[in-house]
Amino acid sequence: MDFIKNNLANALTLANLFAGSIGAIHLISGDYQTTALCLVLSAVFDFFDGFVARALKSNSNLGLQLDSLADMVSFGLIPGLTMYKALEPFGTELLGMHLPFEIKYTGLLVTVFSCLRLAIFNLDEEQRYYFKGLNTPTNTVLLFGLYYAFKETGNFSFLFENALLLILLTILTSWLLISPIKMMAMKFKSRQLKDNYPKLVLLIGGIIIIALFKVVGIPILVLYYMLVSLVFQNQLK
């Protein structure tokens, strides 16, 4: 029983990694629906591994390392591959110029900065009730959500038909990952309404956005999350 108790959270973390690996493979082959399902599973496993570790008091340094390594695939590699796939049709052409390399590889900057963000997070003891910069799962939801909505509905075509905009999006999100901007974490440190008002605003607004826009609302929800975080900067601590 002690073995199960001490390793259940780690098993969930490895399940996150397994689902993320499958999602990455299907993203490369163009099966976006399977990738979307794998990301949902990864997010569920990522939430419950921490929940189970706290509930069973089985937190460990091994678990901390495993969590970052799993997230690097599910929420670091996949968003980078998303931008890679989005930029793939443009070949070496940018603004009428032919570059000596294929611009799709610039999309992997997201993966590089996701790795840097996860390393910084592991060393920063301040980020308990808020994040510094955009966390990797949310960034993944933004980038993959935009691409998935484009593939499924044709929305955001203005973005995915313009290589320069995609590169700028890559650079912006890479910077957001390591930026000093405080972003809300859905962790409740008290039951008082005044301490949780920003989270309630986010929750209610998020439900309305998804109800109105369905799949298209997923990346819009992330933009709303960032807006709410900016508005309530002084209350995030």
Protein backbone atom coordinates (compact mmCIF):
# COMPACT_ATOMS: atom_id res chain seq x y z
CA MET A 1 0.00 0.00 0.00
CA ASP A 2 2.85 2.40 0.79
CA PHE A 3 4.31 1.80 -2.66
CA ILE A 4 1.00 2.73 -4.32
CA LYS A 5 0.54 5.75 -2.05
CA ASN A 6 4.03 7.05 -2.74
CA ASN A 7 3.89 6.52 -6.51
CA LEU A 8 0.28 7.14 -7.53
CA ALA A 9 0.95 10.81 -8.25
CA ASN A 10 4.05 9.89 -10.28
CA ALA A 11 2.00 7.40 -12.29
CA LEU A 12 -0.44 10.17 -13.17
CA THR A 13 2.47 12.39 -14.20
CA LEU A 14 3.79 9.65 -16.48
CA ALA A 15 0.28 9.26 -17.91
CA ASN A 16 0.45 12.97 -18.76
CA LEU A 17 3.73 12.33 -20.57
CA PHE A 18 2.31 9.29 -22.39
CA ALA A 19 -0.77 11.20 -23.60
CA GLY A 20 1.37 14.16 -24.63
CA SER A 21 3.72 11.94 -26.63
CA ILE A 22 0.80 10.40 -28.52
CA GLY A 23 -0.62 13.87 -29.12
CA ALA A 24 2.68 15.09 -30.59
CA ILE A 25 2.84 12.13 -32.99
CA HIS A 26 -0.72 12.72 -34.22
CA LEU A 27 -0.10 16.46 -34.58
CA ILE A 28 2.82 15.78 -36.92
CA SER A 29 0.63 13.46 -39.01
CA GLY A 30 -2.18 16.03 -39.17
CA ASP A 31 -4.69 14.29 -36.87
CA TYR A 32 -5.65 17.37 -34.85
CA GLN A 33 -8.69 15.84 -33.19
CA THR A 34 -6.64 13.09 -31.58
CA THR A 35 -4.07 15.67 -30.48
CA ALA A 36 -6.86 17.71 -28.91
CA LEU A 37 -8.10 14.66 -27.00
CA CYS A 38 -4.57 13.87 -25.82
CA LEU A 39 -4.10 17.44 -24.59
CA VAL A 40 -7.32 17.21 -22.59
CA LEU A 41 -6.10 13.97 -21.02
CA SER A 42 -2.68 15.49 -20.30
CA ALA A 43 -4.31 18.48 -18.62
CA VAL A 44 -6.50 16.20 -16.47
CA PHE A 45 -3.52 14.06 -15.43
CA ASP A 46 -1.45 17.20 -14.79
CA PHE A 47 -4.13 18.56 -12.46
CA PHE A 48 -4.69 15.36 -10.54
CA ASP A 49 -1.05 14.41 -10.03
CA GLY A 50 -0.55 17.51 -7.87
CA PHE A 51 -3.93 17.04 -6.18
CA VAL A 52 -3.17 13.41 -5.32
CA ALA A 53 0.37 14.22 -4.14
CA ARG A 54 -0.98 16.83 -1.72
CA ALA A 55 -3.87 14.64 -0.56
CA LEU A 56 -1.64 11.63 0.12
CA LYS A 57 1.28 13.79 1.32
CA SER A 58 3.52 12.04 -1.18
CA ASN A 59 5.27 15.12 -2.59
CA SER A 60 8.85 14.36 -3.55
CA ASN A 61 11.76 15.81 -5.50
CA LEU A 62 11.33 12.96 -7.97
CA GLY A 63 7.73 13.98 -8.53
CA LEU A 64 8.76 17.59 -9.08
CA GLN A 65 11.27 16.61 -11.75
CA LEU A 66 8.88 14.20 -13.44
CA ASP A 67 6.18 16.86 -13.56
CA SER A 68 8.40 19.32 -15.42
CA LEU A 69 9.69 16.67 -17.82
CA ALA A 70 6.15 15.53 -18.64
CA ASP A 71 4.95 19.10 -19.09
CA MET A 72 7.88 19.75 -21.43
CA VAL A 73 6.36 17.28 -23.91
CA SER A 74 2.65 17.92 -23.43
CA PHE A 75 2.85 21.69 -23.00
CA GLY A 76 6.26 22.51 -24.45
CA LEU A 77 6.79 20.34 -27.51
CA ILE A 78 3.17 20.33 -28.71
CA PRO A 79 2.74 24.13 -28.90
CA GLY A 80 6.10 24.37 -30.68
CA LEU A 81 5.01 21.69 -33.15
CA THR A 82 1.73 23.57 -33.60
CA MET A 83 3.58 26.66 -34.79
CA TYR A 84 5.89 24.43 -36.86
CA LYS A 85 2.85 22.96 -38.66
CA ALA A 86 1.23 26.38 -39.06
CA LEU A 87 4.37 27.79 -40.71
CA GLU A 88 5.10 24.71 -42.81
CA PRO A 89 3.13 25.79 -45.92
CA PHE A 90 5.23 28.93 -46.34
CA GLY A 91 8.49 27.11 -47.03
CA THR A 92 11.40 29.56 -47.20
CA GLU A 93 9.35 32.59 -48.29
CA LEU A 94 8.74 35.58 -46.02
CA LEU A 95 7.57 38.99 -47.24
CA GLY A 96 8.48 38.08 -50.81
CA MET A 97 12.02 37.08 -49.84
CA HIS A 98 13.47 33.58 -50.05
CA LEU A 99 15.36 32.77 -46.87
CA PRO A 100 18.17 30.19 -46.65
CA PHE A 101 16.08 28.09 -44.25
CA GLU A 102 12.49 26.97 -43.86
CA ILE A 103 10.67 29.35 -41.55
CA LYS A 104 8.66 26.54 -39.96
CA TYR A 105 11.60 25.89 -37.63
CA THR A 106 11.09 29.29 -35.97
CA GLY A 107 7.91 27.84 -34.45
CA LEU A 108 10.07 25.68 -32.21
CA LEU A 109 11.15 28.79 -30.33
CA VAL A 110 8.00 28.20 -28.30
CA THR A 111 9.41 24.83 -27.22
CA VAL A 112 12.75 26.40 -26.29
CA PHE A 113 11.14 29.11 -24.17
CA SER A 114 8.71 26.61 -22.62
CA CYS A 115 11.74 24.69 -21.37
CA LEU A 116 13.25 27.89 -19.97
CA ARG A 117 9.96 28.82 -18.31
CA LEU A 118 9.62 25.42 -16.61
CA ALA A 119 13.18 25.63 -15.29
CA ILE A 120 12.58 29.14 -13.93
CA PHE A 121 9.33 28.03 -12.30
CA ASN A 122 11.07 25.17 -10.50
CA LEU A 123 13.55 27.58 -8.95
CA ASP A 124 11.07 30.36 -8.08
CA GLU A 125 9.45 29.94 -4.67
CA GLU A 126 7.16 32.97 -5.08
CA GLN A 127 4.78 31.42 -7.62
CA ARG A 128 2.38 29.69 -5.25
CA TYR A 129 -0.85 31.64 -5.79
CA TYR A 130 0.04 33.33 -9.08
CA PHE A 131 2.31 32.77 -12.05
CA LYS A 132 5.05 34.99 -13.41
CA GLY A 133 4.41 34.93 -17.12
CA LEU A 134 2.05 32.70 -19.04
CA ASN A 135 2.15 29.11 -17.81
CA THR A 136 2.88 26.40 -20.37
CA PRO A 137 -0.54 24.64 -20.34
CA THR A 138 -2.34 27.96 -20.96
CA ASN A 139 0.07 28.86 -23.75
CA THR A 140 -0.61 25.46 -25.31
CA VAL A 141 -4.36 26.05 -25.14
CA LEU A 142 -3.88 29.42 -26.85
CA LEU A 143 -1.69 28.24 -29.73
CA PHE A 144 -3.23 24.84 -30.35
CA GLY A 145 -6.71 26.27 -29.74
CA LEU A 146 -6.17 28.87 -32.48
CA TYR A 147 -4.83 26.25 -34.90
CA TYR A 148 -7.55 23.71 -34.09
CA ALA A 149 -10.30 26.31 -34.53
CA PHE A 150 -8.78 27.30 -37.88
CA LYS A 151 -8.64 23.70 -39.08
CA GLU A 152 -12.14 22.83 -37.84
CA THR A 153 -14.07 26.02 -38.63
CA GLY A 154 -11.90 28.21 -40.86
CA ASN A 155 -11.82 30.97 -38.28
CA PHE A 156 -8.60 32.95 -37.71
CA SER A 157 -7.66 32.48 -41.38
CA PHE A 158 -6.20 36.02 -41.36
CA LEU A 159 -3.58 34.70 -38.95
CA PHE A 160 -2.75 31.36 -40.53
CA GLU A 161 -2.50 32.77 -44.05
CA ASN A 162 0.16 35.30 -43.00
CA ALA A 163 3.64 34.02 -42.17
CA LEU A 164 4.74 37.29 -40.58
CA LEU A 165 1.79 37.29 -38.15
CA LEU A 166 2.56 33.68 -37.19
CA ILE A 167 6.20 34.52 -36.51
CA LEU A 168 5.17 37.53 -34.44
CA LEU A 169 2.75 35.31 -32.50
CA THR A 170 5.60 32.86 -31.90
CA ILE A 171 7.87 35.60 -30.59
CA LEU A 172 5.14 37.18 -28.45
CA THR A 173 4.07 33.94 -26.76
CA SER A 174 7.71 32.93 -26.25
CA TRP A 175 8.29 36.20 -24.42
CA LEU A 176 5.07 35.87 -22.41
CA LEU A 177 6.29 32.52 -21.07
CA ILE A 178 9.23 34.16 -19.31
CA SER A 179 7.80 37.65 -18.77
CA PRO A 180 7.52 39.19 -15.28
CA ILE A 181 3.78 39.85 -15.78
CA LYS A 182 1.71 38.25 -13.04
CA MET A 183 -0.88 35.76 -14.27
CA MET A 184 -3.70 34.34 -12.19
CA ALA A 185 -3.46 30.83 -10.76
CA MET A 186 -6.70 29.05 -9.89
CA LYS A 187 -5.59 28.33 -6.34
CA PHE A 188 -7.73 29.55 -3.44
CA LYS A 189 -5.82 30.64 -0.35
CA SER A 190 -8.98 31.69 1.53
CA ARG A 191 -12.77 31.44 1.32
CA GLN A 192 -13.33 35.19 1.45
CA LEU A 193 -14.97 36.71 -1.61
CA LYS A 194 -12.58 39.68 -1.69
CA ASP A 195 -9.61 37.32 -2.11
CA ASN A 196 -11.27 35.36 -4.91
CA TYR A 197 -13.12 38.08 -6.81
CA PRO A 198 -10.73 38.01 -9.82
CA LYS A 199 -11.14 34.23 -10.09
CA LEU A 200 -14.92 34.53 -10.05
CA VAL A 201 -14.76 37.16 -12.79
CA LEU A 202 -12.60 34.80 -14.83
CA LEU A 203 -14.84 31.80 -14.19
CA ILE A 204 -18.14 33.52 -15.03
CA GLY A 205 -16.71 35.26 -18.08
CA GLY A 206 -15.09 32.04 -19.26
CA ILE A 207 -18.37 30.12 -19.10
CA ILE A 208 -20.09 32.84 -21.15
CA ILE A 209 -17.30 32.86 -23.77
CA ILE A 210 -17.37 29.09 -24.27
CA ALA A 211 -21.19 29.05 -24.37
CA LEU A 212 -21.25 31.74 -27.06
CA PHE A 213 -18.29 30.77 -29.23
CA LYS A 214 -17.84 27.01 -28.64
CA VAL A 215 -14.49 25.81 -30.15
CA VAL A 216 -13.56 29.30 -31.32
CA GLY A 217 -14.00 30.48 -27.74
CA ILE A 218 -11.08 28.37 -26.44
CA PRO A 219 -8.26 30.72 -27.56
CA ILE A 220 -10.51 33.71 -26.83
CA LEU A 221 -10.81 32.43 -23.26
CA VAL A 222 -7.02 32.52 -22.90
CA LEU A 223 -6.95 36.14 -24.10
CA TYR A 224 -9.69 36.91 -21.58
CA TYR A 225 -7.62 35.20 -18.87
CA MET A 226 -4.64 37.40 -19.68
CA LEU A 227 -6.84 40.52 -19.69
CA VAL A 228 -8.34 39.69 -16.29
CA SER A 229 -4.84 39.00 -14.93
CA LEU A 230 -3.65 42.41 -16.15
CA VAL A 231 -6.66 44.23 -14.70
CA PHE A 232 -6.19 42.62 -11.27
CA GLN A 233 -2.35 42.75 -11.21
CA ASN A 234 -2.24 44.40 -7.78
CA GLN A 235 -4.44 41.70 -6.24
CA LEU A 236 -2.30 38.78 -7.42
CA LYS A 237 0.00 37.81 -4.56
